[in-house]
Every structure is written in C-alpha cells, then in structure tokens.
Amino acid sequence: MAKIAKNLTELIGHTPLMELAEYSRKYGLKRNIVAKLESFNPAGSVKDRVAFAMIEDAEARGALKPGATIIEPTSGNTGVGLAMVATIKGYHLILTMPETMSVERRNLLKALGAEIVLTDGLAGMAGSIAKAKELRDAIPGAVILQQFENPSNAKAHEHTTGEEIWTDTDGKVTVFVAGVGTGGTVCGVARALKKHNPDVYVVAVEPASSPVLEGGEDAPHRIQGIGANFIPSIYDASVVDEIIPVPDDEAIRGGRELASAEGLLAGISSGAAVYAARLLAERPEFADKMIVALLPDTGERYLSTELFAFDTYPLE
C-alpha cells in the first residue's frame, strides 16, 4: 500500500529515539542517554504537535471560523508550527514574540507567511501575551489559541509524544527529562508515562537564572524556548518529580557537545535537557536506568546566537 501524505500535517509526530552513545561515553556514563529527536517533525520542532492540536481543537469547538485571523504569543517554535498549519488550512497568522528571539526564527516565520510583531525582550513572554490580547481586541473574529493555557497543548503530548516514548522503549523508560516553556510537553508526557508506570521519574528543566518553577524570581536568560518568566497555568507540578535548574553556559555547552560528539545540531534548550539528563545519569540510583531526554528543535535556528559563536562566546 502506498504511503503518500496529503499534506505536512499528516507527517507530524512519530519522531525517532536515538542513543547519545558518544556524548555518554565522553562523560563515562554507565548507560547511554536516549534522545527524542523532535526536529524530525515537518516544521522542525516539538511545537508542530501543539500547533496542529490547538487549531484542530478550536475548529471543533467552533471558535475558529474559516479564513479567520489567529494570533499567538510565541518564542518561535510554536509560531513556526502554527505558520505551517495556518498556511495549509487558510488562516491569517499574527505572532507576537520577544525581540530577543533569533533572526533565523523570525525569517522562518516570514517565509511561511506569518506577520510578526516584536515586543520588549525585557518583558519576556508576558509582554508578548499582553500584545497578543491587545491585537485580538482590535481585530474582528481574531482568536488567540493561548498555548500557555490551552489544555489541548498538554493533551497533544499525552496522546502522542508520551505514547511514542513508551512504545518505542518497550516500556523500559525510567526517567523522562524535558525543558519547560509552556509546560505542555513535560506534563503531557508525564501523564502518559505514569499511566503505564506510576514510578517513571519526570524531571522538568528551567533556566538557573530564572528559577520561577522553584519559587524564585524571573530574570533574563539565554535559553531560548524555555523559562517563560511566569508559571503557565497548564504546568501541573503534581506530575513532576524534580526540577533541575540549568545555567545558560551549560545549556550552550550541551548544544555544542551534541554537535561535536554526535553530529547532531540541536537547540539551546536541547543542550539544557541533555545536561540535566547527564546529571541524573551520574547519580547511583539512575546509573543503569533508561533516561529519555526530549530535544525540542534543531540547532540551525540558533546560528546567529551564542550557541555556535565559538570565537565571540568561548566557554571555559
């Protein structure tokens, strides 16, 4: 039987797992860390899943009318996923995002037909959310999908990402690690895995310089895609067993090491996730356990950032 997709939305999900053998060997780990490579989604990130799920849900509820305008505050990847789906489905898309987001992300969004409105970087995602609401009130029929509040965000990961990890590891996953932007990924996957095995240990990753999940104060940081400077309403602390704060430079180092050790171009938040996974793998109780770290996107979206700026941003 022929396997020919009718459009890109049919290619979302079913991303591969890969052992980080060389990275794990470099640090003398007893067992290889396993990476969930979300860059294999058609628009290049884990957010393809969320974008499709939120639009489908809004259509089913009758909130989104044909040809309407979608507005969304996004740090980039959700915007790329939404731009892909909006193009396929015929919606106009306006994205509000902090001016600190990389040039690559902005250009990707423009290429896919999205209109971009930049907001003050110091205001973080809260500033982008406020701007999105202002635009929605000014445009008749416009809809904000609200990824930070939308239950379909976490449900997408519960029904797809989490089930994929469980199935593809033959139920042997012991620890799951993911960065927290909206909280949808870590919480959705946690629910799926814990339904199969309540003892699966779930770890949330956030920037050490902005540890809001642990009750600290928000502050600027360099880990694009996570650390939204507030706790999203869809973040469910009850399904998270531990929070690991990651310094900016360790996230950048992790991204560089994935490239040099594995030939894998992954983003800064991926570097943060793999760094946290390594810390866990170095603990005696997890040394021989299967640790799965979710890598949200590709490093090609960060070529203008500190991630690969070896000359101007050296690490000790």
Protein backbone atom coordinates (compact mmCIF):
# COMPACT_ATOMS: atom_id res chain seq x y z
CA MET A 1 0.00 0.00 0.00
CA ALA A 2 1.36 3.41 -0.98
CA LYS A 3 2.36 5.76 1.82
CA ILE A 4 1.93 9.24 0.39
CA ALA A 5 0.95 12.08 2.72
CA LYS A 6 -1.72 14.51 1.51
CA ASN A 7 -0.07 17.40 3.38
CA LEU A 8 2.54 18.07 6.06
CA THR A 9 0.15 17.74 8.98
CA GLU A 10 -0.01 14.01 8.30
CA LEU A 11 3.74 13.81 8.95
CA ILE A 12 3.62 15.29 12.45
CA GLY A 13 4.84 13.01 15.23
CA HIS A 14 6.38 9.54 15.33
CA THR A 15 9.80 11.10 15.79
CA PRO A 16 12.77 8.80 16.44
CA LEU A 17 14.65 7.92 19.59
CA MET A 18 18.46 7.76 19.43
CA GLU A 19 21.12 6.75 21.93
CA LEU A 20 23.63 9.52 22.63
CA ALA A 21 26.46 7.00 22.67
CA GLU A 22 29.42 9.31 22.08
CA TYR A 23 28.14 12.01 24.42
CA SER A 24 27.52 9.42 27.13
CA ARG A 25 30.94 7.87 26.58
CA LYS A 26 32.59 11.27 26.90
CA TYR A 27 31.25 11.58 30.43
CA GLY A 28 31.79 7.95 31.39
CA LEU A 29 28.12 7.19 31.88
CA LYS A 30 27.19 3.59 32.63
CA ARG A 31 24.25 3.66 30.22
CA ASN A 32 23.63 5.82 27.17
CA ILE A 33 21.19 8.70 27.44
CA VAL A 34 18.36 8.38 24.89
CA ALA A 35 17.21 11.44 22.94
CA LYS A 36 13.75 12.04 21.49
CA LEU A 37 14.53 13.96 18.29
CA GLU A 38 11.64 16.36 17.76
CA SER A 39 13.47 18.18 14.97
CA PHE A 40 12.19 15.37 12.73
CA ASN A 41 8.72 16.95 12.75
CA PRO A 42 7.89 18.58 9.38
CA ALA A 43 8.32 22.18 10.54
CA GLY A 44 11.31 21.22 12.64
CA SER A 45 10.22 21.17 16.27
CA VAL A 46 8.13 19.60 19.00
CA LYS A 47 5.69 22.50 18.67
CA ASP A 48 4.29 21.13 15.41
CA ARG A 49 2.27 18.75 17.57
CA VAL A 50 0.85 21.57 19.69
CA ALA A 51 0.11 23.88 16.77
CA PHE A 52 -1.91 21.24 14.94
CA ALA A 53 -3.75 20.12 18.09
CA MET A 54 -4.75 23.65 19.13
CA ILE A 55 -6.06 24.59 15.68
CA GLU A 56 -7.98 21.32 15.31
CA ASP A 57 -9.49 21.82 18.76
CA ALA A 58 -10.51 25.43 18.02
CA GLU A 59 -12.15 24.31 14.78
CA ALA A 60 -14.03 21.51 16.54
CA ARG A 61 -15.32 23.94 19.19
CA GLY A 62 -16.44 26.42 16.54
CA ALA A 63 -14.15 29.11 17.93
CA LEU A 64 -12.12 29.36 14.74
CA LYS A 65 -14.01 30.30 11.59
CA PRO A 66 -12.75 29.75 8.01
CA GLY A 67 -10.33 32.45 6.92
CA ALA A 68 -10.09 33.95 10.41
CA THR A 69 -7.02 35.53 11.98
CA ILE A 70 -5.03 33.54 14.52
CA ILE A 71 -2.91 35.49 17.00
CA GLU A 72 -0.39 33.81 19.27
CA PRO A 73 2.40 34.90 21.60
CA THR A 74 5.34 32.61 20.90
CA SER A 75 9.08 32.32 21.47
CA GLY A 76 9.42 30.97 17.96
CA ASN A 77 8.85 27.25 17.52
CA THR A 78 5.12 27.33 18.18
CA GLY A 79 4.93 30.13 15.66
CA VAL A 80 6.69 28.07 13.00
CA GLY A 81 4.34 25.15 13.60
CA LEU A 82 1.30 27.43 13.54
CA ALA A 83 2.52 29.11 10.35
CA MET A 84 2.78 25.74 8.64
CA VAL A 85 -0.68 24.61 9.74
CA ALA A 86 -2.28 28.03 9.12
CA THR A 87 -0.92 28.07 5.57
CA ILE A 88 -2.31 24.60 4.91
CA LYS A 89 -5.71 25.47 6.39
CA GLY A 90 -6.02 29.01 5.01
CA TYR A 91 -5.79 31.19 8.13
CA HIS A 92 -4.04 34.54 8.58
CA LEU A 93 -1.47 34.38 11.37
CA ILE A 94 -0.07 37.16 13.55
CA LEU A 95 2.66 36.25 16.02
CA THR A 96 3.87 38.34 18.94
CA MET A 97 7.33 37.45 20.20
CA PRO A 98 10.17 38.94 22.28
CA GLU A 99 12.72 40.86 20.23
CA THR A 100 15.43 38.66 21.78
CA MET A 101 14.41 35.65 19.69
CA SER A 102 16.86 34.60 16.97
CA VAL A 103 16.88 36.07 13.47
CA GLU A 104 16.54 32.57 11.99
CA ARG A 105 13.22 32.07 13.74
CA ARG A 106 11.89 35.41 12.53
CA ASN A 107 12.89 34.70 8.93
CA LEU A 108 11.33 31.24 9.04
CA LEU A 109 8.05 32.74 10.18
CA LYS A 110 8.09 35.38 7.47
CA ALA A 111 8.87 32.74 4.84
CA LEU A 112 5.77 30.81 5.90
CA GLY A 113 3.59 33.91 5.57
CA ALA A 114 3.21 34.92 9.21
CA GLU A 115 3.03 38.55 10.31
CA ILE A 116 5.43 39.25 13.19
CA VAL A 117 5.04 41.81 15.96
CA LEU A 118 8.12 42.11 18.20
CA THR A 119 7.79 43.04 21.88
CA ASP A 120 10.24 44.25 24.52
CA GLY A 121 12.71 41.49 25.31
CA LEU A 122 12.95 42.52 28.96
CA ALA A 123 9.20 41.94 29.33
CA GLY A 124 9.65 38.31 28.27
CA MET A 125 6.68 36.24 27.16
CA ALA A 126 4.38 38.19 29.46
CA GLY A 127 4.91 41.21 27.22
CA SER A 128 4.13 39.17 24.11
CA ILE A 129 0.96 37.81 25.69
CA ALA A 130 -0.24 41.31 26.57
CA LYS A 131 0.37 42.48 23.00
CA ALA A 132 -1.48 39.49 21.56
CA LYS A 133 -4.55 40.33 23.66
CA GLU A 134 -4.39 43.94 22.50
CA LEU A 135 -4.35 42.84 18.85
CA ARG A 136 -7.16 40.33 19.35
CA ASP A 137 -9.41 43.03 20.77
CA ALA A 138 -8.71 45.22 17.73
CA ILE A 139 -9.30 42.58 15.00
CA PRO A 140 -12.85 41.23 14.49
CA GLY A 141 -13.08 37.45 14.70
CA ALA A 142 -9.47 37.03 15.76
CA VAL A 143 -8.62 34.12 18.05
CA ILE A 144 -5.75 33.61 20.48
CA LEU A 145 -5.05 29.91 20.89
CA GLN A 146 -3.25 30.57 24.21
CA GLN A 147 -0.63 27.84 24.24
CA PHE A 148 0.23 28.69 27.86
CA GLU A 149 -3.36 28.00 28.95
CA ASN A 150 -4.75 25.66 26.29
CA PRO A 151 -5.44 22.11 27.60
CA SER A 152 -5.00 20.69 24.09
CA ASN A 153 -1.30 21.59 24.38
CA ALA A 154 -0.60 19.04 27.09
CA LYS A 155 -3.15 16.60 25.67
CA ALA A 156 -1.26 16.52 22.37
CA HIS A 157 1.81 15.26 24.20
CA GLU A 158 -0.17 12.89 26.39
CA HIS A 159 -1.79 11.25 23.38
CA THR A 160 1.20 11.27 21.01
CA THR A 161 4.67 12.09 22.38
CA GLY A 162 4.29 10.17 25.62
CA GLU A 163 2.76 7.12 23.97
CA GLU A 164 5.51 7.10 21.34
CA ILE A 165 8.20 7.11 24.03
CA TRP A 166 6.53 4.29 25.94
CA THR A 167 6.04 2.16 22.84
CA ASP A 168 9.45 2.81 21.28
CA THR A 169 11.30 1.99 24.53
CA ASP A 170 9.21 -1.16 25.04
CA GLY A 171 8.10 0.34 28.33
CA LYS A 172 11.65 0.48 29.68
CA VAL A 173 11.88 4.25 30.12
CA THR A 174 12.67 5.03 33.76
CA VAL A 175 13.36 8.78 33.67
CA PHE A 176 11.96 11.47 31.37
CA VAL A 177 13.58 14.91 31.06
CA ALA A 178 12.20 17.98 29.27
CA GLY A 179 12.55 21.74 29.42
CA VAL A 180 9.57 23.85 30.47
CA GLY A 181 8.29 26.66 28.30
CA THR A 182 4.52 26.27 28.46
CA GLY A 183 4.79 23.07 30.50
CA GLY A 184 2.71 21.16 27.97
CA THR A 185 5.45 18.76 26.92
CA VAL A 186 6.70 17.67 30.32
CA CYS A 187 3.23 17.42 31.86
CA GLY A 188 1.55 15.72 28.92
CA VAL A 189 4.31 13.15 28.53
CA ALA A 190 4.37 12.64 32.30
CA ARG A 191 0.69 11.77 32.37
CA ALA A 192 1.07 9.29 29.54
CA LEU A 193 4.10 7.55 31.01
CA LYS A 194 2.75 7.46 34.56
CA LYS A 195 -0.47 5.85 33.33
CA HIS A 196 1.67 2.94 32.18
CA ASN A 197 4.09 3.05 35.11
CA PRO A 198 3.50 5.42 38.05
CA ASP A 199 7.16 5.07 39.03
CA VAL A 200 8.52 6.81 35.91
CA TYR A 201 10.59 9.72 37.23
CA VAL A 202 9.77 13.01 35.49
CA VAL A 203 12.21 15.93 35.54
CA ALA A 204 11.44 19.50 34.47
CA VAL A 205 14.28 21.75 33.32
CA GLU A 206 14.35 25.53 33.71
CA PRO A 207 17.00 28.27 33.45
CA ALA A 208 19.05 28.61 36.64
CA SER A 209 19.00 32.39 36.27
CA SER A 210 15.18 32.46 36.17
CA PRO A 211 14.01 29.66 38.52
CA VAL A 212 10.31 30.53 38.68
CA LEU A 213 9.14 26.90 38.92
CA GLU A 214 11.04 26.60 42.18
CA GLY A 215 9.61 29.84 43.51
CA GLY A 216 12.49 32.08 42.53
CA GLU A 217 12.39 35.41 40.74
CA ASP A 218 12.32 35.69 36.97
CA ALA A 219 15.28 37.23 35.18
CA PRO A 220 16.71 37.40 31.66
CA HIS A 221 18.42 34.24 30.39
CA ARG A 222 19.88 32.80 27.18
CA ILE A 223 17.99 29.51 26.90
CA GLN A 224 15.51 30.31 24.14
CA GLY A 225 12.27 28.34 24.24
CA ILE A 226 12.07 27.64 27.98
CA GLY A 227 11.80 29.81 31.07
CA ALA A 228 8.76 31.96 30.28
CA ASN A 229 9.26 34.26 33.35
CA PHE A 230 5.97 33.04 34.91
CA ILE A 231 4.39 29.68 35.74
CA PRO A 232 1.96 28.72 32.94
CA SER A 233 -1.48 27.58 34.05
CA ILE A 234 -1.15 24.26 32.19
CA TYR A 235 2.01 23.39 34.13
CA ASP A 236 0.98 20.66 36.59
CA ALA A 237 3.55 20.34 39.37
CA SER A 238 1.86 17.19 40.68
CA VAL A 239 3.20 15.08 37.80
CA VAL A 240 6.76 16.44 38.02
CA ASP A 241 9.12 14.68 40.43
CA GLU A 242 12.06 17.07 40.27
CA ILE A 243 13.09 20.41 38.80
CA ILE A 244 16.68 20.89 37.62
CA PRO A 245 17.89 24.46 37.05
CA VAL A 246 20.46 24.71 34.26
CA PRO A 247 22.97 27.58 33.88
CA ASP A 248 22.96 29.31 30.50
CA ASP A 249 26.53 28.30 29.69
CA GLU A 250 25.87 24.63 30.48
CA ALA A 251 22.90 24.66 28.09
CA ILE A 252 25.09 26.18 25.39
CA ARG A 253 27.87 23.71 26.14
CA GLY A 254 25.39 20.85 25.92
CA GLY A 255 24.23 22.02 22.49
CA ARG A 256 27.81 22.31 21.27
CA GLU A 257 28.68 18.86 22.60
CA LEU A 258 25.73 17.27 20.82
CA ALA A 259 27.11 18.68 17.58
CA SER A 260 30.75 17.72 18.20
CA ALA A 261 30.09 14.29 19.72
CA GLU A 262 27.03 13.09 17.83
CA GLY A 263 26.92 15.25 14.69
CA LEU A 264 23.54 16.39 15.98
CA LEU A 265 22.53 20.03 15.56
CA ALA A 266 20.11 20.79 18.37
CA GLY A 267 18.95 23.99 20.03
CA ILE A 268 19.97 25.61 23.30
CA SER A 269 17.06 24.12 25.25
CA SER A 270 18.11 20.71 23.94
CA GLY A 271 21.53 21.37 25.43
CA ALA A 272 19.83 22.16 28.74
CA ALA A 273 17.84 18.92 28.65
CA VAL A 274 20.85 16.75 27.87
CA TYR A 275 22.90 18.47 30.60
CA ALA A 276 20.16 17.70 33.14
CA ALA A 277 19.94 14.12 31.85
CA ARG A 278 23.69 13.73 32.38
CA LEU A 279 23.43 14.96 35.97
CA LEU A 280 20.75 12.35 36.58
CA ALA A 281 22.75 9.59 34.87
CA GLU A 282 25.66 10.33 37.19
CA ARG A 283 23.52 9.53 40.24
CA PRO A 284 23.92 5.93 41.51
CA GLU A 285 20.16 5.32 41.57
CA PHE A 286 19.82 6.13 37.86
CA ALA A 287 23.21 4.96 36.53
CA ASP A 288 21.86 1.82 34.86
CA LYS A 289 18.37 3.15 34.07
CA MET A 290 16.98 4.37 30.75
CA ILE A 291 16.86 8.16 30.73
CA VAL A 292 14.99 9.80 27.84
CA ALA A 293 15.64 13.50 27.17
CA LEU A 294 13.42 15.37 24.75
CA LEU A 295 15.33 17.60 22.31
CA PRO A 296 12.77 20.14 21.03
CA ASP A 297 14.34 21.51 17.86
CA THR A 298 17.30 21.94 15.54
CA GLY A 299 20.43 23.99 16.10
CA GLU A 300 20.02 25.58 12.67
CA ARG A 301 17.58 28.01 14.32
CA TYR A 302 20.35 29.38 16.53
CA LEU A 303 23.26 30.04 14.19
CA SER A 304 23.13 33.76 14.96
CA THR A 305 23.13 33.21 18.73
CA GLU A 306 25.79 32.33 21.29
CA LEU A 307 25.20 28.62 20.69
CA PHE A 308 27.79 28.26 17.93
CA ALA A 309 29.62 31.58 18.41
CA PHE A 310 32.86 29.85 19.35
CA ASP A 311 35.05 32.92 18.78
CA THR A 312 32.91 35.58 20.40
CA TYR A 313 31.34 33.39 23.10
CA PRO A 314 34.00 30.92 24.28
CA LEU A 315 33.26 28.59 27.19
CA GLU A 316 35.77 27.59 29.83
